[in-house]
Protein backbone atom coordinates (compact mmCIF):
# COMPACT_ATOMS: atom_id res chain seq x y z
CA UNK A 1 59.29 89.07 120.18
CA UNK A 2 58.54 91.74 122.79
CA UNK A 3 55.28 92.72 121.15
CA UNK A 4 54.14 89.12 120.85
CA UNK A 5 55.00 88.44 124.50
CA UNK A 6 53.11 91.54 125.62
CA UNK A 7 50.13 90.61 123.45
CA UNK A 8 50.09 87.01 124.73
CA UNK A 9 50.14 88.27 128.33
CA UNK A 10 47.20 90.58 127.63
CA UNK A 11 45.14 87.91 125.88
CA UNK A 12 45.84 84.96 128.16
CA UNK A 13 45.55 86.71 131.53
CA UNK A 14 43.16 89.58 130.67
CA UNK A 15 45.43 92.20 132.22
CA UNK A 16 46.86 95.50 131.02
CA UNK A 17 50.46 95.19 129.84
CA UNK A 18 52.83 97.76 128.39
CA UNK A 19 56.49 98.16 127.51
CA UNK A 20 57.70 100.60 130.15
CA UNK A 21 61.45 100.53 129.77
CA UNK A 22 64.34 99.89 127.38
CA UNK A 23 62.24 100.55 124.27
CA UNK A 24 65.38 101.37 122.27
CA UNK A 25 67.28 98.23 123.30
CA UNK A 26 66.57 95.14 121.19
CA UNK A 27 68.18 92.82 123.76
CA UNK A 28 66.02 93.65 126.74
CA UNK A 29 62.73 95.18 127.74
CA UNK A 30 60.64 96.01 130.74
CA UNK A 31 57.00 94.99 130.66
CA UNK A 32 54.65 96.26 133.35
CA UNK A 33 51.37 94.52 134.07
CA UNK A 34 48.35 95.84 135.94
CA UNK A 35 45.05 94.35 137.00
CA UNK A 36 42.18 95.53 139.12
CA UNK A 37 40.08 93.28 141.33
CA UNK A 38 38.50 93.41 144.76
CA UNK A 39 39.77 89.87 145.45
CA UNK A 40 43.41 89.87 146.60
CA UNK A 41 43.66 86.07 146.34
CA UNK A 42 42.50 86.20 142.74
CA UNK A 43 45.06 88.90 141.93
CA UNK A 44 47.85 86.87 143.54
CA UNK A 45 46.77 83.77 141.62
CA UNK A 46 46.71 85.56 138.27
CA UNK A 47 50.08 87.22 138.85
CA UNK A 48 51.66 83.95 140.00
CA UNK A 49 50.40 82.09 136.91
CA UNK A 50 51.54 84.96 134.69
CA UNK A 51 55.00 84.95 136.28
CA UNK A 52 55.29 81.17 135.82
CA UNK A 53 54.21 81.39 132.17
CA UNK A 54 56.70 84.15 131.33
CA UNK A 55 59.54 82.49 133.26
CA UNK A 56 58.96 79.16 131.51
CA UNK A 57 59.41 80.71 128.04
CA UNK A 58 62.91 79.64 126.93
CA UNK A 59 63.34 82.90 124.98
CA UNK A 60 62.90 84.97 128.14
CA UNK A 61 65.38 85.61 130.94
CA UNK A 62 63.68 87.33 133.86
CA UNK A 63 66.12 89.61 135.63
CA UNK A 64 63.79 91.14 138.19
CA UNK A 65 60.16 90.99 139.20
CA UNK A 66 58.18 93.08 141.63
CA UNK A 67 54.60 92.67 142.76
CA UNK A 68 52.98 95.53 144.59
CA UNK A 69 49.59 95.85 146.23
CA UNK A 70 47.69 98.98 147.05
């Protein structure tokens, strides 16, 4: 399930996504997403839609999310 979620995120939102934590735990994972753009509003829009899509998946329980900007 984790791999399919990561792959769907990559394909649908055209971002980089990787499992970055809890790789040995079948009950939970940490997926980090990165994107590069010169348009901050576009980045916010993509990340908001991505967050809504992941959160709406009934198989997923989001414990924490963090969005950082450079």
